[in-house]
């Protein structure tokens, strides 16, 4: 690469250098988005916890989302057992076990869409807070994170 091109690349903001697609995820994966929206609508409290978890602990949430695709035969209990030291296991996953089993089923039905979400830090929470918020947020003022959010 020519030296002046290297300098130009280094001066561009990180966002400009990123290979972020210009089309929103929800438009690139409409079936996955519709299915995720249905899960959120049916499980607003679990969705709230999942989106806050991704916002506050993106690496751990990303690990969980990647695990959904990478371990298609494992159960939520197997994940929880392998990550017992994570506060989210007791505070988020166990109380909403059935709902998170539904999220796992969603991810395994839409692996490419989930893989894309889990490849960018906080993408899952961005979808939740920006495109699905009306399905899980209560109409009152902004809500704080769940009690004891991991």
N, C-alpha and C. Protein backbone atom coordinates (compact mmCIF):
# COMPACT_ATOMS: atom_id res chain seq x y z
N UNK A 1 0.85 -1.17 0.00
CA UNK A 1 0.00 0.00 0.00
C UNK A 1 0.90 1.24 0.00
N UNK A 2 0.50 2.23 -0.71
CA UNK A 2 1.28 3.46 -0.79
C UNK A 2 1.24 4.19 0.55
N UNK A 3 2.34 4.83 0.94
CA UNK A 3 2.40 5.49 2.25
C UNK A 3 1.31 6.52 2.45
N UNK A 4 0.96 7.28 1.42
CA UNK A 4 -0.07 8.31 1.59
C UNK A 4 -1.44 7.68 1.83
N UNK A 5 -1.70 6.50 1.26
CA UNK A 5 -2.97 5.81 1.53
C UNK A 5 -3.03 5.34 2.97
N UNK A 6 -1.91 4.87 3.50
CA UNK A 6 -1.86 4.45 4.91
C UNK A 6 -2.17 5.63 5.81
N UNK A 7 -1.58 6.78 5.51
CA UNK A 7 -1.83 7.97 6.33
C UNK A 7 -3.29 8.38 6.25
N UNK A 8 -3.88 8.32 5.06
CA UNK A 8 -5.28 8.68 4.91
C UNK A 8 -6.16 7.73 5.71
N UNK A 9 -5.87 6.45 5.64
CA UNK A 9 -6.66 5.46 6.38
C UNK A 9 -6.57 5.69 7.88
N UNK A 10 -5.40 6.09 8.35
CA UNK A 10 -5.23 6.33 9.78
C UNK A 10 -5.93 7.60 10.25
N UNK A 11 -6.15 8.53 9.36
CA UNK A 11 -6.79 9.79 9.76
C UNK A 11 -8.31 9.70 9.72
N UNK A 12 -8.84 8.72 9.04
CA UNK A 12 -10.30 8.56 9.01
C UNK A 12 -10.80 8.09 10.36
N UNK A 13 -11.98 8.55 10.77
CA UNK A 13 -12.54 8.04 12.03
C UNK A 13 -12.78 6.53 11.92
N UNK A 14 -12.75 5.87 13.06
CA UNK A 14 -12.92 4.42 13.08
C UNK A 14 -14.23 4.02 12.42
N UNK A 15 -15.29 4.78 12.65
CA UNK A 15 -16.59 4.45 12.07
C UNK A 15 -16.54 4.47 10.55
N UNK A 16 -15.77 5.39 9.99
CA UNK A 16 -15.68 5.48 8.54
C UNK A 16 -14.88 4.32 7.97
N UNK A 17 -13.91 3.81 8.75
CA UNK A 17 -13.10 2.68 8.28
C UNK A 17 -13.83 1.36 8.44
N UNK A 18 -14.77 1.29 9.36
CA UNK A 18 -15.46 0.03 9.64
C UNK A 18 -16.23 -0.42 8.41
N UNK A 19 -16.36 -1.70 8.32
CA UNK A 19 -17.08 -2.25 7.18
C UNK A 19 -18.56 -2.42 7.51
N UNK A 20 -19.10 -1.44 8.20
CA UNK A 20 -20.50 -1.50 8.60
C UNK A 20 -21.39 -1.38 7.36
N UNK A 21 -22.34 -2.29 7.25
CA UNK A 21 -23.26 -2.22 6.12
C UNK A 21 -24.13 -0.97 6.22
N UNK A 22 -24.50 -0.44 5.07
CA UNK A 22 -25.32 0.77 5.07
C UNK A 22 -26.80 0.46 5.27
N UNK A 23 -27.21 -0.75 4.97
CA UNK A 23 -28.59 -1.15 5.17
C UNK A 23 -28.77 -1.67 6.59
N UNK A 24 -29.79 -1.22 7.31
CA UNK A 24 -30.00 -1.70 8.69
C UNK A 24 -30.18 -3.22 8.75
N UNK A 25 -29.73 -3.78 9.87
CA UNK A 25 -29.84 -5.22 10.11
C UNK A 25 -31.27 -5.71 9.91
N UNK A 26 -32.23 -4.95 10.40
CA UNK A 26 -33.63 -5.35 10.30
C UNK A 26 -34.09 -5.47 8.85
N UNK A 27 -33.50 -4.72 7.96
CA UNK A 27 -33.86 -4.81 6.55
C UNK A 27 -33.08 -5.91 5.83
N UNK A 28 -31.88 -6.19 6.30
CA UNK A 28 -31.09 -7.28 5.71
C UNK A 28 -31.62 -8.65 6.15
N UNK A 29 -32.26 -8.69 7.32
CA UNK A 29 -32.77 -9.95 7.86
C UNK A 29 -34.22 -9.75 8.31
N UNK A 30 -35.13 -9.48 7.39
CA UNK A 30 -36.51 -9.16 7.79
C UNK A 30 -37.23 -10.30 8.52
N UNK A 31 -37.01 -11.53 8.12
CA UNK A 31 -37.68 -12.65 8.80
C UNK A 31 -37.15 -12.79 10.23
N UNK A 32 -35.85 -12.66 10.40
CA UNK A 32 -35.26 -12.74 11.74
C UNK A 32 -35.74 -11.59 12.60
N UNK A 33 -35.82 -10.40 12.02
CA UNK A 33 -36.28 -9.23 12.77
C UNK A 33 -37.73 -9.42 13.21
N UNK A 34 -38.57 -9.87 12.32
CA UNK A 34 -39.99 -10.09 12.66
C UNK A 34 -40.13 -11.14 13.76
N UNK A 35 -39.34 -12.19 13.66
CA UNK A 35 -39.38 -13.26 14.66
C UNK A 35 -38.86 -12.76 16.01
N UNK A 36 -37.79 -11.97 15.97
CA UNK A 36 -37.25 -11.40 17.21
C UNK A 36 -38.28 -10.44 17.83
N UNK A 37 -38.93 -9.65 17.00
CA UNK A 37 -39.96 -8.73 17.49
C UNK A 37 -41.09 -9.50 18.18
N UNK A 38 -41.46 -10.63 17.61
CA UNK A 38 -42.51 -11.45 18.23
C UNK A 38 -42.04 -11.98 19.58
N UNK A 39 -40.78 -12.42 19.67
CA UNK A 39 -40.25 -12.89 20.95
C UNK A 39 -40.24 -11.77 21.98
N UNK A 40 -39.82 -10.59 21.57
CA UNK A 40 -39.77 -9.44 22.47
C UNK A 40 -41.18 -9.11 22.97
N UNK A 41 -42.14 -9.11 22.08
CA UNK A 41 -43.51 -8.79 22.46
C UNK A 41 -44.08 -9.82 23.44
N UNK A 42 -43.72 -11.07 23.26
CA UNK A 42 -44.21 -12.13 24.15
C UNK A 42 -43.44 -12.19 25.47
N UNK A 43 -42.22 -11.66 25.48
CA UNK A 43 -41.35 -11.75 26.66
C UNK A 43 -40.71 -10.39 26.97
N UNK A 44 -41.50 -9.38 27.24
CA UNK A 44 -40.92 -8.04 27.40
C UNK A 44 -39.91 -7.92 28.55
N UNK A 45 -40.15 -8.59 29.65
CA UNK A 45 -39.21 -8.48 30.77
C UNK A 45 -37.89 -9.19 30.45
N UNK A 46 -37.95 -10.35 29.85
CA UNK A 46 -36.73 -11.06 29.45
C UNK A 46 -35.98 -10.26 28.38
N UNK A 47 -36.72 -9.66 27.46
CA UNK A 47 -36.09 -8.84 26.42
C UNK A 47 -35.38 -7.65 27.06
N UNK A 48 -36.04 -7.02 28.00
CA UNK A 48 -35.45 -5.88 28.71
C UNK A 48 -34.13 -6.31 29.37
N UNK A 49 -34.15 -7.44 30.04
CA UNK A 49 -32.95 -7.94 30.70
C UNK A 49 -31.85 -8.26 29.68
N UNK A 50 -32.23 -8.88 28.58
CA UNK A 50 -31.24 -9.25 27.56
C UNK A 50 -30.61 -8.01 26.93
N UNK A 51 -31.41 -7.01 26.61
CA UNK A 51 -30.86 -5.81 25.99
C UNK A 51 -29.99 -5.03 26.96
N UNK A 52 -30.40 -4.95 28.23
CA UNK A 52 -29.57 -4.27 29.22
C UNK A 52 -28.27 -5.03 29.45
N UNK A 53 -28.36 -6.36 29.47
CA UNK A 53 -27.17 -7.18 29.66
C UNK A 53 -26.16 -6.90 28.54
N UNK A 54 -26.64 -6.87 27.30
CA UNK A 54 -25.75 -6.59 26.18
C UNK A 54 -25.16 -5.19 26.27
N UNK A 55 -25.95 -4.25 26.74
CA UNK A 55 -25.45 -2.87 26.87
C UNK A 55 -24.39 -2.77 27.97
N UNK A 56 -24.62 -3.45 29.09
CA UNK A 56 -23.71 -3.32 30.23
C UNK A 56 -22.54 -4.29 30.21
N UNK A 57 -22.74 -5.45 29.63
CA UNK A 57 -21.69 -6.49 29.59
C UNK A 57 -21.63 -7.08 28.18
N UNK A 58 -21.21 -6.28 27.22
CA UNK A 58 -21.28 -6.73 25.82
C UNK A 58 -20.47 -7.98 25.51
N UNK A 59 -19.33 -8.17 26.14
CA UNK A 59 -18.53 -9.35 25.82
C UNK A 59 -19.21 -10.63 26.30
N UNK A 60 -19.82 -10.56 27.47
CA UNK A 60 -20.51 -11.75 27.98
C UNK A 60 -21.77 -12.02 27.18
N UNK A 61 -22.51 -10.99 26.85
CA UNK A 61 -23.71 -11.17 26.04
C UNK A 61 -23.33 -11.70 24.66
N UNK A 62 -22.25 -11.18 24.10
CA UNK A 62 -21.76 -11.65 22.81
C UNK A 62 -21.39 -13.13 22.89
N UNK A 63 -20.76 -13.53 23.98
CA UNK A 63 -20.41 -14.94 24.18
C UNK A 63 -21.67 -15.80 24.17
N UNK A 64 -22.70 -15.34 24.86
CA UNK A 64 -23.96 -16.08 24.89
C UNK A 64 -24.57 -16.16 23.49
N UNK A 65 -24.61 -15.06 22.77
CA UNK A 65 -25.21 -15.05 21.43
C UNK A 65 -24.43 -15.95 20.48
N UNK A 66 -23.10 -15.91 20.55
CA UNK A 66 -22.28 -16.79 19.70
C UNK A 66 -22.50 -18.25 20.08
N UNK A 67 -22.62 -18.52 21.38
CA UNK A 67 -22.84 -19.89 21.85
C UNK A 67 -24.12 -20.46 21.24
N UNK A 68 -25.15 -19.66 21.11
CA UNK A 68 -26.42 -20.13 20.53
C UNK A 68 -26.19 -20.76 19.16
N UNK A 69 -25.36 -20.12 18.35
CA UNK A 69 -25.09 -20.62 17.00
C UNK A 69 -24.05 -21.73 17.01
N UNK A 70 -23.02 -21.56 17.82
CA UNK A 70 -21.89 -22.50 17.80
C UNK A 70 -22.18 -23.82 18.49
N UNK A 71 -23.14 -23.86 19.38
CA UNK A 71 -23.47 -25.08 20.12
C UNK A 71 -24.95 -25.42 19.92
N UNK A 72 -25.34 -25.79 18.72
CA UNK A 72 -26.75 -25.96 18.40
C UNK A 72 -27.48 -27.08 19.14
N UNK A 73 -26.74 -27.96 19.79
CA UNK A 73 -27.42 -29.05 20.50
C UNK A 73 -27.42 -28.85 22.02
N UNK A 74 -26.70 -27.84 22.50
CA UNK A 74 -26.63 -27.62 23.94
C UNK A 74 -27.83 -26.83 24.45
N UNK A 75 -28.15 -27.06 25.70
CA UNK A 75 -29.29 -26.39 26.32
C UNK A 75 -28.84 -25.16 27.10
N UNK A 76 -29.79 -24.36 27.48
CA UNK A 76 -29.50 -23.20 28.32
C UNK A 76 -28.86 -23.64 29.63
N UNK A 77 -29.30 -24.77 30.16
CA UNK A 77 -28.71 -25.27 31.39
C UNK A 77 -27.22 -25.58 31.22
N UNK A 78 -26.83 -26.07 30.06
CA UNK A 78 -25.41 -26.34 29.80
C UNK A 78 -24.62 -25.03 29.77
N UNK A 79 -25.19 -24.02 29.15
CA UNK A 79 -24.51 -22.71 29.14
C UNK A 79 -24.39 -22.17 30.55
N UNK A 80 -25.48 -22.22 31.29
CA UNK A 80 -25.49 -21.70 32.66
C UNK A 80 -24.48 -22.44 33.52
N UNK A 81 -24.39 -23.73 33.36
CA UNK A 81 -23.44 -24.53 34.14
C UNK A 81 -22.00 -24.13 33.81
N UNK A 82 -21.74 -23.87 32.55
CA UNK A 82 -20.39 -23.50 32.14
C UNK A 82 -20.02 -22.08 32.56
N UNK A 83 -21.02 -21.27 32.90
CA UNK A 83 -20.78 -19.86 33.26
C UNK A 83 -21.40 -19.52 34.61
N UNK A 84 -21.28 -20.44 35.56
CA UNK A 84 -21.87 -20.26 36.89
C UNK A 84 -21.36 -19.01 37.59
N UNK A 85 -20.16 -18.60 37.26
CA UNK A 85 -19.55 -17.45 37.94
C UNK A 85 -20.08 -16.11 37.41
N UNK A 86 -20.90 -16.12 36.40
CA UNK A 86 -21.48 -14.89 35.87
C UNK A 86 -22.74 -14.55 36.66
N UNK A 87 -22.84 -13.37 37.22
CA UNK A 87 -24.05 -12.98 37.94
C UNK A 87 -25.31 -13.08 37.06
N UNK A 88 -25.16 -12.87 35.78
CA UNK A 88 -26.32 -12.91 34.89
C UNK A 88 -27.01 -14.27 34.89
N UNK A 89 -26.26 -15.31 35.14
CA UNK A 89 -26.86 -16.64 35.13
C UNK A 89 -27.97 -16.73 36.18
N UNK A 90 -27.67 -16.32 37.40
CA UNK A 90 -28.68 -16.38 38.46
C UNK A 90 -29.69 -15.24 38.39
N UNK A 91 -29.25 -14.07 37.95
CA UNK A 91 -30.10 -12.89 38.01
C UNK A 91 -30.93 -12.66 36.75
N UNK A 92 -30.49 -13.19 35.63
CA UNK A 92 -31.19 -12.95 34.37
C UNK A 92 -31.68 -14.25 33.73
N UNK A 93 -30.77 -15.18 33.50
CA UNK A 93 -31.14 -16.39 32.75
C UNK A 93 -32.07 -17.32 33.51
N UNK A 94 -31.74 -17.63 34.78
CA UNK A 94 -32.58 -18.57 35.53
C UNK A 94 -34.01 -18.07 35.74
N UNK A 95 -34.21 -16.83 36.19
CA UNK A 95 -35.59 -16.37 36.41
C UNK A 95 -36.44 -16.33 35.13
N UNK A 96 -35.79 -16.17 34.00
CA UNK A 96 -36.52 -16.10 32.72
C UNK A 96 -36.14 -17.27 31.82
N UNK A 97 -35.97 -18.43 32.42
CA UNK A 97 -35.48 -19.62 31.72
C UNK A 97 -36.27 -19.92 30.45
N UNK A 98 -37.57 -20.01 30.57
CA UNK A 98 -38.40 -20.35 29.41
C UNK A 98 -38.29 -19.30 28.31
N UNK A 99 -38.26 -18.04 28.70
CA UNK A 99 -38.14 -16.97 27.71
C UNK A 99 -36.80 -17.04 26.98
N UNK A 100 -35.73 -17.31 27.73
CA UNK A 100 -34.41 -17.39 27.08
C UNK A 100 -34.29 -18.65 26.23
N UNK A 101 -35.02 -19.71 26.58
CA UNK A 101 -35.07 -20.87 25.68
C UNK A 101 -35.68 -20.44 24.35
N UNK A 102 -36.67 -19.56 24.41
CA UNK A 102 -37.28 -19.02 23.19
C UNK A 102 -36.29 -18.18 22.39
N UNK A 103 -35.47 -17.40 23.07
CA UNK A 103 -34.46 -16.61 22.38
C UNK A 103 -33.44 -17.53 21.71
N UNK A 104 -33.08 -18.60 22.39
CA UNK A 104 -32.16 -19.58 21.81
C UNK A 104 -32.78 -20.19 20.55
N UNK A 105 -34.05 -20.56 20.63
CA UNK A 105 -34.73 -21.14 19.47
C UNK A 105 -34.74 -20.13 18.31
N UNK A 106 -34.99 -18.85 18.64
CA UNK A 106 -34.97 -17.81 17.60
C UNK A 106 -33.59 -17.77 16.93
N UNK A 107 -32.54 -17.72 17.74
CA UNK A 107 -31.20 -17.62 17.19
C UNK A 107 -30.81 -18.81 16.34
N UNK A 108 -31.24 -19.98 16.75
CA UNK A 108 -30.90 -21.19 15.99
C UNK A 108 -31.71 -21.29 14.71
N UNK A 109 -32.87 -20.63 14.68
CA UNK A 109 -33.67 -20.58 13.46
C UNK A 109 -33.12 -19.53 12.47
N UNK A 110 -32.35 -18.57 12.99
CA UNK A 110 -31.81 -17.48 12.17
C UNK A 110 -30.31 -17.30 12.45
N UNK A 111 -29.50 -18.33 12.21
CA UNK A 111 -28.09 -18.27 12.61
C UNK A 111 -27.29 -17.17 11.93
N UNK A 112 -27.52 -16.91 10.65
CA UNK A 112 -26.75 -15.87 9.96
C UNK A 112 -27.06 -14.50 10.54
N UNK A 113 -28.32 -14.26 10.81
CA UNK A 113 -28.73 -12.97 11.39
C UNK A 113 -28.15 -12.81 12.79
N UNK A 114 -28.21 -13.86 13.59
CA UNK A 114 -27.66 -13.78 14.95
C UNK A 114 -26.15 -13.64 14.92
N UNK A 115 -25.50 -14.36 14.02
CA UNK A 115 -24.05 -14.28 13.92
C UNK A 115 -23.62 -12.85 13.59
N UNK A 116 -24.36 -12.21 12.71
CA UNK A 116 -24.04 -10.82 12.37
C UNK A 116 -24.23 -9.91 13.59
N UNK A 117 -25.31 -10.12 14.34
CA UNK A 117 -25.54 -9.32 15.54
C UNK A 117 -24.42 -9.52 16.56
N UNK A 118 -23.99 -10.74 16.73
CA UNK A 118 -22.98 -11.02 17.76
C UNK A 118 -21.57 -10.65 17.32
N UNK A 119 -21.40 -10.26 16.06
CA UNK A 119 -20.06 -9.91 15.59
C UNK A 119 -19.71 -8.45 15.85
N UNK A 120 -20.66 -7.65 16.24
CA UNK A 120 -20.42 -6.24 16.54
C UNK A 120 -20.87 -5.94 17.96
N UNK A 121 -19.99 -5.35 18.72
CA UNK A 121 -20.28 -5.06 20.13
C UNK A 121 -21.56 -4.22 20.27
N UNK A 122 -22.42 -4.69 21.13
CA UNK A 122 -23.68 -4.04 21.50
C UNK A 122 -24.70 -3.94 20.36
N UNK A 123 -24.53 -4.69 19.30
CA UNK A 123 -25.51 -4.65 18.21
C UNK A 123 -26.87 -5.15 18.66
N UNK A 124 -26.87 -6.17 19.50
CA UNK A 124 -28.14 -6.72 19.99
C UNK A 124 -28.90 -5.66 20.78
N UNK A 125 -28.22 -4.97 21.67
CA UNK A 125 -28.91 -3.95 22.46
C UNK A 125 -29.32 -2.77 21.58
N UNK A 126 -28.53 -2.45 20.55
CA UNK A 126 -28.93 -1.36 19.66
C UNK A 126 -30.25 -1.68 18.96
N UNK A 127 -30.39 -2.91 18.52
CA UNK A 127 -31.66 -3.31 17.90
C UNK A 127 -32.78 -3.18 18.94
N UNK A 128 -32.51 -3.68 20.14
CA UNK A 128 -33.52 -3.64 21.19
C UNK A 128 -33.93 -2.24 21.61
N UNK A 129 -32.95 -1.36 21.79
CA UNK A 129 -33.25 -0.01 22.25
C UNK A 129 -33.74 0.89 21.13
N UNK A 130 -33.29 0.65 19.91
CA UNK A 130 -33.63 1.56 18.81
C UNK A 130 -34.82 1.11 17.98
N UNK A 131 -34.96 -0.19 17.76
CA UNK A 131 -36.01 -0.64 16.85
C UNK A 131 -37.12 -1.44 17.51
N UNK A 132 -36.88 -1.94 18.71
CA UNK A 132 -37.89 -2.78 19.36
C UNK A 132 -38.35 -2.23 20.71
N UNK A 133 -37.89 -1.06 21.07
CA UNK A 133 -38.14 -0.52 22.41
C UNK A 133 -39.63 -0.43 22.74
N UNK A 134 -40.44 -0.05 21.79
CA UNK A 134 -41.87 0.10 22.09
C UNK A 134 -42.54 -1.23 22.44
N UNK A 135 -41.89 -2.33 22.13
CA UNK A 135 -42.47 -3.65 22.44
C UNK A 135 -42.16 -4.12 23.85
N UNK A 136 -41.10 -3.58 24.46
CA UNK A 136 -40.72 -4.05 25.80
C UNK A 136 -40.66 -2.96 26.85
N UNK A 137 -40.56 -1.72 26.44
CA UNK A 137 -40.51 -0.65 27.43
C UNK A 137 -41.91 -0.26 27.86
N UNK A 138 -42.06 -0.03 29.14
CA UNK A 138 -43.34 0.44 29.64
C UNK A 138 -43.48 1.90 29.25
N UNK A 139 -44.70 2.40 29.10
CA UNK A 139 -44.90 3.76 28.60
C UNK A 139 -44.38 4.87 29.50
N UNK A 140 -44.04 4.58 30.74
CA UNK A 140 -43.55 5.64 31.63
C UNK A 140 -42.14 6.06 31.25
N UNK A 141 -41.57 6.93 32.04
CA UNK A 141 -40.24 7.49 31.77
C UNK A 141 -39.20 6.38 31.61
N UNK A 142 -38.04 6.77 31.15
CA UNK A 142 -36.95 5.80 30.92
C UNK A 142 -36.74 4.91 32.13
N UNK A 143 -36.58 3.64 31.86
CA UNK A 143 -36.44 2.67 32.94
C UNK A 143 -34.99 2.44 33.28
N UNK A 144 -34.70 2.23 34.55
CA UNK A 144 -33.34 1.88 34.94
C UNK A 144 -33.07 0.43 34.57
N UNK A 145 -31.81 0.03 34.59
CA UNK A 145 -31.51 -1.38 34.31
C UNK A 145 -32.17 -2.27 35.37
N UNK A 146 -32.38 -3.54 35.03
CA UNK A 146 -32.98 -4.46 36.00
C UNK A 146 -32.17 -4.49 37.30
N UNK A 147 -32.86 -4.73 38.39
CA UNK A 147 -32.20 -4.81 39.69
C UNK A 147 -31.10 -5.84 39.63
N UNK A 148 -29.93 -5.45 40.10
CA UNK A 148 -28.79 -6.37 40.12
C UNK A 148 -28.31 -6.76 38.74
N UNK A 149 -28.50 -5.86 37.75
CA UNK A 149 -28.07 -6.20 36.40
C UNK A 149 -26.60 -6.59 36.40
N UNK A 150 -26.30 -7.70 35.77
CA UNK A 150 -24.92 -8.23 35.79
C UNK A 150 -23.96 -7.33 35.06
